[in-house]
Amino acid sequence: MRVHGIEITSSVEFLCLQRMRDRQFSAADIIQVAIEAGVENSDTIPAALRFVDRLIQRERKAGRLRRIGKLWRWE
């Protein structure tokens, strides 16, 4: 996936999806996983933020995520 001109590798996506499946999460939890995996996130290039937003949208539309209050849960 390409976000703000930065290529997000499948290994980063796998790590984020793995964390999503583990337990309930907030977007901030997954952003932290992406940042730790090396995705840039700054005021000028919020690639991790946008990547996680797209990932959550994709999985929600596919019916794999459900919103529980302020958290998400893998179905």
PDB file of N, CA and C in Angstrom:
ATOM      1  N   MET A   1       0.860  -1.173   0.000  1.00  0.00           N
ATOM      2  CA  MET A   1       0.000   0.000   0.000  1.00  0.00           C
ATOM      3  C   MET A   1       0.906   1.236   0.000  1.00  0.00           C
ATOM      4  N   ARG A   2       0.532   2.219  -0.786  1.00  0.00           N
ATOM      5  CA  ARG A   2       1.298   3.453  -0.867  1.00  0.00           C
ATOM      6  C   ARG A   2       0.498   4.559  -0.184  1.00  0.00           C
ATOM      7  N   VAL A   3       1.158   5.247   0.770  1.00  0.00           N
ATOM      8  CA  VAL A   3       0.503   6.305   1.541  1.00  0.00           C
ATOM      9  C   VAL A   3       1.433   7.507   1.601  1.00  0.00           C
ATOM     10  N   HIS A   4       0.949   8.649   1.147  1.00  0.00           N
ATOM     11  CA  HIS A   4       1.748   9.889   1.138  1.00  0.00           C
ATOM     12  C   HIS A   4       3.126   9.668   0.504  1.00  0.00           C
ATOM     13  N   GLY A   5       3.165   8.882  -0.565  1.00  0.00           N
ATOM     14  CA  GLY A   5       4.409   8.629  -1.284  1.00  0.00           C
ATOM     15  C   GLY A   5       5.332   7.628  -0.611  1.00  0.00           C
ATOM     16  N   ILE A   6       4.883   7.005   0.470  1.00  0.00           N
ATOM     17  CA  ILE A   6       5.695   6.030   1.196  1.00  0.00           C
ATOM     18  C   ILE A   6       5.078   4.651   0.992  1.00  0.00           C
ATOM     19  N   GLU A   7       5.916   3.684   0.626  1.00  0.00           N
ATOM     20  CA  GLU A   7       5.443   2.318   0.430  1.00  0.00           C
ATOM     21  C   GLU A   7       5.379   1.605   1.777  1.00  0.00           C
ATOM     22  N   ILE A   8       4.179   1.126   2.130  1.00  0.00           N
ATOM     23  CA  ILE A   8       3.980   0.364   3.357  1.00  0.00           C
ATOM     24  C   ILE A   8       4.086  -1.111   2.975  1.00  0.00           C
ATOM     25  N   THR A   9       5.024  -1.817   3.569  1.00  0.00           N
ATOM     26  CA  THR A   9       5.277  -3.213   3.196  1.00  0.00           C
ATOM     27  C   THR A   9       4.200  -4.137   3.743  1.00  0.00           C
ATOM     28  N   SER A  10       4.122  -5.303   3.153  1.00  0.00           N
ATOM     29  CA  SER A  10       3.154  -6.302   3.609  1.00  0.00           C
ATOM     30  C   SER A  10       3.493  -6.801   5.008  1.00  0.00           C
ATOM     31  N   SER A  11       4.768  -6.751   5.384  1.00  0.00           N
ATOM     32  CA  SER A  11       5.143  -7.185   6.734  1.00  0.00           C
ATOM     33  C   SER A  11       4.601  -6.219   7.789  1.00  0.00           C
ATOM     34  N   VAL A  12       4.587  -4.926   7.496  1.00  0.00           N
ATOM     35  CA  VAL A  12       4.013  -3.937   8.421  1.00  0.00           C
ATOM     36  C   VAL A  12       2.510  -4.154   8.510  1.00  0.00           C
ATOM     37  N   GLU A  13       1.873  -4.383   7.371  1.00  0.00           N
ATOM     38  CA  GLU A  13       0.434  -4.642   7.359  1.00  0.00           C
ATOM     39  C   GLU A  13       0.117  -5.900   8.167  1.00  0.00           C
ATOM     40  N   PHE A  14       0.933  -6.941   8.009  1.00  0.00           N
ATOM     41  CA  PHE A  14       0.734  -8.178   8.765  1.00  0.00           C
ATOM     42  C   PHE A  14       0.825  -7.934  10.270  1.00  0.00           C
ATOM     43  N   LEU A  15       1.826  -7.173  10.708  1.00  0.00           N
ATOM     44  CA  LEU A  15       1.982  -6.872  12.133  1.00  0.00           C
ATOM     45  C   LEU A  15       0.759  -6.129  12.678  1.00  0.00           C
ATOM     46  N   CYS A  16       0.266  -5.173  11.910  1.00  0.00           N
ATOM     47  CA  CYS A  16      -0.903  -4.402  12.337  1.00  0.00           C
ATOM     48  C   CYS A  16      -2.149  -5.286  12.410  1.00  0.00           C
ATOM     49  N   LEU A  17      -2.349  -6.121  11.401  1.00  0.00           N
ATOM     50  CA  LEU A  17      -3.505  -7.013  11.397  1.00  0.00           C
ATOM     51  C   LEU A  17      -3.422  -8.029  12.533  1.00  0.00           C
ATOM     52  N   GLN A  18      -2.213  -8.494  12.815  1.00  0.00           N
ATOM     53  CA  GLN A  18      -2.015  -9.435  13.914  1.00  0.00           C
ATOM     54  C   GLN A  18      -2.417  -8.800  15.245  1.00  0.00           C
ATOM     55  N   ARG A  19      -2.025  -7.548  15.446  1.00  0.00           N
ATOM     56  CA  ARG A  19      -2.387  -6.837  16.678  1.00  0.00           C
ATOM     57  C   ARG A  19      -3.899  -6.613  16.750  1.00  0.00           C
ATOM     58  N   MET A  20      -4.523  -6.363  15.611  1.00  0.00           N
ATOM     59  CA  MET A  20      -5.972  -6.167  15.576  1.00  0.00           C
ATOM     60  C   MET A  20      -6.702  -7.447  15.999  1.00  0.00           C
ATOM     61  N   ARG A  21      -6.165  -8.587  15.623  1.00  0.00           N
ATOM     62  CA  ARG A  21      -6.807  -9.859  15.937  1.00  0.00           C
ATOM     63  C   ARG A  21      -6.608 -10.261  17.395  1.00  0.00           C
ATOM     64  N   ASP A  22      -5.553  -9.781  18.033  1.00  0.00           N
ATOM     65  CA  ASP A  22      -5.213 -10.173  19.408  1.00  0.00           C
ATOM     66  C   ASP A  22      -6.290  -9.825  20.425  1.00  0.00           C
ATOM     67  N   ARG A  23      -6.705  -8.582  20.436  1.00  0.00           N
ATOM     68  CA  ARG A  23      -7.670  -8.097  21.429  1.00  0.00           C
ATOM     69  C   ARG A  23      -8.260  -6.781  20.940  1.00  0.00           C
ATOM     70  N   GLN A  24      -9.177  -6.211  21.715  1.00  0.00           N
ATOM     71  CA  GLN A  24      -9.770  -4.927  21.337  1.00  0.00           C
ATOM     72  C   GLN A  24      -8.663  -3.889  21.203  1.00  0.00           C
ATOM     73  N   PHE A  25      -8.894  -2.901  20.350  1.00  0.00           N
ATOM     74  CA  PHE A  25      -7.859  -1.901  20.093  1.00  0.00           C
ATOM     75  C   PHE A  25      -8.478  -0.574  19.710  1.00  0.00           C
ATOM     76  N   SER A  26      -7.663   0.454  19.845  1.00  0.00           N
ATOM     77  CA  SER A  26      -8.020   1.773  19.322  1.00  0.00           C
ATOM     78  C   SER A  26      -7.116   2.023  18.118  1.00  0.00           C
ATOM     79  N   ALA A  27      -7.449   3.004  17.322  1.00  0.00           N
ATOM     80  CA  ALA A  27      -6.603   3.343  16.175  1.00  0.00           C
ATOM     81  C   ALA A  27      -5.202   3.722  16.651  1.00  0.00           C
ATOM     82  N   ALA A  28      -5.113   4.403  17.799  1.00  0.00           N
ATOM     83  CA  ALA A  28      -3.811   4.813  18.333  1.00  0.00           C
ATOM     84  C   ALA A  28      -2.921   3.598  18.632  1.00  0.00           C
ATOM     85  N   ASP A  29      -3.515   2.493  19.084  1.00  0.00           N
ATOM     86  CA  ASP A  29      -2.739   1.273  19.344  1.00  0.00           C
ATOM     87  C   ASP A  29      -2.087   0.766  18.067  1.00  0.00           C
ATOM     88  N   ILE A  30      -2.840   0.762  16.987  1.00  0.00           N
ATOM     89  CA  ILE A  30      -2.336   0.248  15.712  1.00  0.00           C
ATOM     90  C   ILE A  30      -1.345   1.232  15.089  1.00  0.00           C
ATOM     91  N   ILE A  31      -1.579   2.521  15.261  1.00  0.00           N
ATOM     92  CA  ILE A  31      -0.619   3.526  14.784  1.00  0.00           C
ATOM     93  C   ILE A  31       0.727   3.299  15.462  1.00  0.00           C
ATOM     94  N   GLN A  32       0.707   3.008  16.751  1.00  0.00           N
ATOM     95  CA  GLN A  32       1.950   2.757  17.488  1.00  0.00           C
ATOM     96  C   GLN A  32       2.681   1.536  16.927  1.00  0.00           C
ATOM     97  N   VAL A  33       1.945   0.483  16.588  1.00  0.00           N
ATOM     98  CA  VAL A  33       2.545  -0.710  15.985  1.00  0.00           C
ATOM     99  C   VAL A  33       3.209  -0.336  14.658  1.00  0.00           C
ATOM    100  N   ALA A  34       2.516   0.454  13.837  1.00  0.00           N
ATOM    101  CA  ALA A  34       3.057   0.867  12.543  1.00  0.00           C
ATOM    102  C   ALA A  34       4.315   1.715  12.712  1.00  0.00           C
ATOM    103  N   ILE A  35       4.297   2.630  13.666  1.00  0.00           N
ATOM    104  CA  ILE A  35       5.473   3.485  13.909  1.00  0.00           C
ATOM    105  C   ILE A  35       6.657   2.641  14.370  1.00  0.00           C
ATOM    106  N   GLU A  36       6.387   1.700  15.272  1.00  0.00           N
ATOM    107  CA  GLU A  36       7.465   0.818  15.750  1.00  0.00           C
ATOM    108  C   GLU A  36       8.025  -0.053  14.631  1.00  0.00           C
ATOM    109  N   ALA A  37       7.201  -0.333  13.619  1.00  0.00           N
ATOM    110  CA  ALA A  37       7.639  -1.123  12.477  1.00  0.00           C
ATOM    111  C   ALA A  37       8.363  -0.273  11.432  1.00  0.00           C
ATOM    112  N   GLY A  38       8.443   1.047  11.666  1.00  0.00           N
ATOM    113  CA  GLY A  38       9.227   1.907  10.787  1.00  0.00           C
ATOM    114  C   GLY A  38       8.451   2.828   9.873  1.00  0.00           C
ATOM    115  N   VAL A  39       7.147   2.896  10.005  1.00  0.00           N
ATOM    116  CA  VAL A  39       6.358   3.802   9.176  1.00  0.00           C
ATOM    117  C   VAL A  39       6.477   5.211   9.745  1.00  0.00           C
ATOM    118  N   GLU A  40       6.779   6.161   8.882  1.00  0.00           N
ATOM    119  CA  GLU A  40       6.959   7.544   9.318  1.00  0.00           C
ATOM    120  C   GLU A  40       5.631   8.164   9.739  1.00  0.00           C
ATOM    121  N   ASN A  41       5.694   8.955  10.794  1.00  0.00           N
ATOM    122  CA  ASN A  41       4.493   9.671  11.228  1.00  0.00           C
ATOM    123  C   ASN A  41       4.929  10.981  11.867  1.00  0.00           C
ATOM    124  N   SER A  42       4.743  12.053  11.132  1.00  0.00           N
ATOM    125  CA  SER A  42       5.078  13.381  11.644  1.00  0.00           C
ATOM    126  C   SER A  42       3.956  14.335  11.250  1.00  0.00           C
ATOM    127  N   ASP A  43       4.077  15.572  11.675  1.00  0.00           N
ATOM    128  CA  ASP A  43       3.066  16.564  11.311  1.00  0.00           C
ATOM    129  C   ASP A  43       3.022  16.793   9.805  1.00  0.00           C
ATOM    130  N   THR A  44       4.181  16.704   9.163  1.00  0.00           N
ATOM    131  CA  THR A  44       4.231  16.954   7.726  1.00  0.00           C
ATOM    132  C   THR A  44       3.907  15.708   6.899  1.00  0.00           C
ATOM    133  N   ILE A  45       4.238  14.523   7.422  1.00  0.00           N
ATOM    134  CA  ILE A  45       3.961  13.273   6.704  1.00  0.00           C
ATOM    135  C   ILE A  45       3.282  12.292   7.671  1.00  0.00           C
ATOM    136  N   PRO A  46       1.960  12.371   7.791  1.00  0.00           N
ATOM    137  CA  PRO A  46       1.251  11.478   8.722  1.00  0.00           C
ATOM    138  C   PRO A  46       0.940  10.122   8.084  1.00  0.00           C
ATOM    139  N   ALA A  47       1.971   9.441   7.563  1.00  0.00           N
ATOM    140  CA  ALA A  47       1.765   8.189   6.826  1.00  0.00           C
ATOM    141  C   ALA A  47       1.181   7.091   7.708  1.00  0.00           C
ATOM    142  N   ALA A  48       1.670   6.943   8.935  1.00  0.00           N
ATOM    143  CA  ALA A  48       1.165   5.881   9.816  1.00  0.00           C
ATOM    144  C   ALA A  48      -0.309   6.111  10.133  1.00  0.00           C
ATOM    145  N   LEU A  49      -0.667   7.337  10.410  1.00  0.00           N
ATOM    146  CA  LEU A  49      -2.054   7.681  10.715  1.00  0.00           C
ATOM    147  C   LEU A  49      -2.966   7.329   9.540  1.00  0.00           C
ATOM    148  N   ARG A  50      -2.595   7.740   8.348  1.00  0.00           N
ATOM    149  CA  ARG A  50      -3.424   7.491   7.159  1.00  0.00           C
ATOM    150  C   ARG A  50      -3.458   6.009   6.808  1.00  0.00           C
ATOM    151  N   PHE A  51      -2.323   5.317   6.954  1.00  0.00           N
ATOM    152  CA  PHE A  51      -2.269   3.884   6.678  1.00  0.00           C
ATOM    153  C   PHE A  51      -3.229   3.120   7.584  1.00  0.00           C
ATOM    154  N   VAL A  52      -3.199   3.411   8.882  1.00  0.00           N
ATOM    155  CA  VAL A  52      -4.071   2.723   9.841  1.00  0.00           C
ATOM    156  C   VAL A  52      -5.531   3.061   9.561  1.00  0.00           C
ATOM    157  N   ASP A  53      -5.812   4.304   9.206  1.00  0.00           N
ATOM    158  CA  ASP A  53      -7.179   4.691   8.863  1.00  0.00           C
ATOM    159  C   ASP A  53      -7.690   3.864   7.684  1.00  0.00           C
ATOM    160  N   ARG A  54      -6.878   3.732   6.646  1.00  0.00           N
ATOM    161  CA  ARG A  54      -7.272   2.939   5.476  1.00  0.00           C
ATOM    162  C   ARG A  54      -7.450   1.461   5.834  1.00  0.00           C
ATOM    163  N   LEU A  55      -6.546   0.943   6.673  1.00  0.00           N
ATOM    164  CA  LEU A  55      -6.608  -0.456   7.071  1.00  0.00           C
ATOM    165  C   LEU A  55      -7.895  -0.743   7.859  1.00  0.00           C
ATOM    166  N   ILE A  56      -8.222   0.118   8.801  1.00  0.00           N
ATOM    167  CA  ILE A  56      -9.447  -0.057   9.588  1.00  0.00           C
ATOM    168  C   ILE A  56     -10.674   0.061   8.688  1.00  0.00           C
ATOM    169  N   GLN A  57     -10.682   1.025   7.779  1.00  0.00           N
ATOM    170  CA  GLN A  57     -11.814   1.174   6.858  1.00  0.00           C
ATOM    171  C   GLN A  57     -12.004  -0.085   6.014  1.00  0.00           C
ATOM    172  N   ARG A  58     -10.905  -0.606   5.481  1.00  0.00           N
ATOM    173  CA  ARG A  58     -10.965  -1.799   4.628  1.00  0.00           C
ATOM    174  C   ARG A  58     -11.523  -3.001   5.390  1.00  0.00           C
ATOM    175  N   GLU A  59     -11.013  -3.220   6.601  1.00  0.00           N
ATOM    176  CA  GLU A  59     -11.449  -4.376   7.385  1.00  0.00           C
ATOM    177  C   GLU A  59     -12.886  -4.205   7.885  1.00  0.00           C
ATOM    178  N   ARG A  60     -13.285  -2.987   8.201  1.00  0.00           N
ATOM    179  CA  ARG A  60     -14.660  -2.735   8.633  1.00  0.00           C
ATOM    180  C   ARG A  60     -15.636  -2.999   7.489  1.00  0.00           C
ATOM    181  N   LYS A  61     -15.301  -2.505   6.310  1.00  0.00           N
ATOM    182  CA  LYS A  61     -16.168  -2.704   5.146  1.00  0.00           C
ATOM    183  C   LYS A  61     -16.283  -4.185   4.776  1.00  0.00           C
ATOM    184  N   ALA A  62     -15.229  -4.955   5.076  1.00  0.00           N
ATOM    185  CA  ALA A  62     -15.247  -6.390   4.794  1.00  0.00           C
ATOM    186  C   ALA A  62     -15.997  -7.164   5.879  1.00  0.00           C
ATOM    187  N   GLY A  63     -16.427  -6.464   6.937  1.00  0.00           N
ATOM    188  CA  GLY A  63     -17.195  -7.100   7.994  1.00  0.00           C
ATOM    189  C   GLY A  63     -16.362  -7.792   9.054  1.00  0.00           C
ATOM    190  N   ARG A  64     -15.065  -7.512   9.090  1.00  0.00           N
ATOM    191  CA  ARG A  64     -14.187  -8.171  10.062  1.00  0.00           C
ATOM    192  C   ARG A  64     -13.993  -7.376  11.349  1.00  0.00           C
ATOM    193  N   LEU A  65     -14.415  -6.110  11.362  1.00  0.00           N
ATOM    194  CA  LEU A  65     -14.265  -5.282  12.553  1.00  0.00           C
ATOM    195  C   LEU A  65     -15.616  -4.779  13.021  1.00  0.00           C
ATOM    196  N   ARG A  66     -15.717  -4.615  14.325  1.00  0.00           N
ATOM    197  CA  ARG A  66     -16.931  -4.068  14.925  1.00  0.00           C
ATOM    198  C   ARG A  66     -16.531  -3.047  15.977  1.00  0.00           C
ATOM    199  N   ARG A  67     -17.231  -1.941  16.009  1.00  0.00           N
ATOM    200  CA  ARG A  67     -16.970  -0.862  16.966  1.00  0.00           C
ATOM    201  C   ARG A  67     -17.677  -1.179  18.283  1.00  0.00           C
ATOM    202  N   ILE A  68     -16.928  -1.156  19.387  1.00  0.00           N
ATOM    203  CA  ILE A  68     -17.472  -1.372  20.725  1.00  0.00           C
ATOM    204  C   ILE A  68     -17.092  -0.143  21.548  1.00  0.00           C
ATOM    205  N   GLY A  69     -18.018   0.809  21.691  1.00  0.00           N
ATOM    206  CA  GLY A  69     -17.691   2.061  22.395  1.00  0.00           C
ATOM    207  C   GLY A  69     -16.623   2.810  21.639  1.00  0.00           C
ATOM    208  N   LYS A  70     -15.487   3.042  22.299  1.00  0.00           N
ATOM    209  CA  LYS A  70     -14.385   3.769  21.664  1.00  0.00           C
ATOM    210  C   LYS A  70     -13.353   2.822  21.065  1.00  0.00           C
ATOM    211  N   LEU A  71     -13.566   1.530  21.193  1.00  0.00           N
ATOM    212  CA  LEU A  71     -12.604   0.532  20.714  1.00  0.00           C
ATOM    213  C   LEU A  71     -13.159  -0.271  19.547  1.00  0.00           C
ATOM    214  N   TRP A  72     -12.270  -0.953  18.850  1.00  0.00           N
ATOM    215  CA  TRP A  72     -12.625  -1.850  17.769  1.00  0.00           C
ATOM    216  C   TRP A  72     -12.381  -3.281  18.231  1.00  0.00           C
ATOM    217  N   ARG A  73     -13.153  -4.224  17.667  1.00  0.00           N
ATOM    218  CA  ARG A  73     -12.952  -5.634  17.991  1.00  0.00           C
ATOM    219  C   ARG A  73     -13.009  -6.428  16.690  1.00  0.00           C
ATOM    220  N   TRP A  74     -12.091  -7.393  16.559  1.00  0.00           N
ATOM    221  CA  TRP A  74     -12.057  -8.272  15.401  1.00  0.00           C
ATOM    222  C   TRP A  74     -13.187  -9.284  15.536  1.00  0.00           C
ATOM    223  N   GLU A  75     -13.959  -9.472  14.486  1.00  0.00           N
ATOM    224  CA  GLU A  75     -15.103 -10.399  14.517  1.00  0.00           C
ATOM    225  C   GLU A  75     -14.702 -11.738  13.966  1.00  0.00           C
TER     226      GLU A  75
END
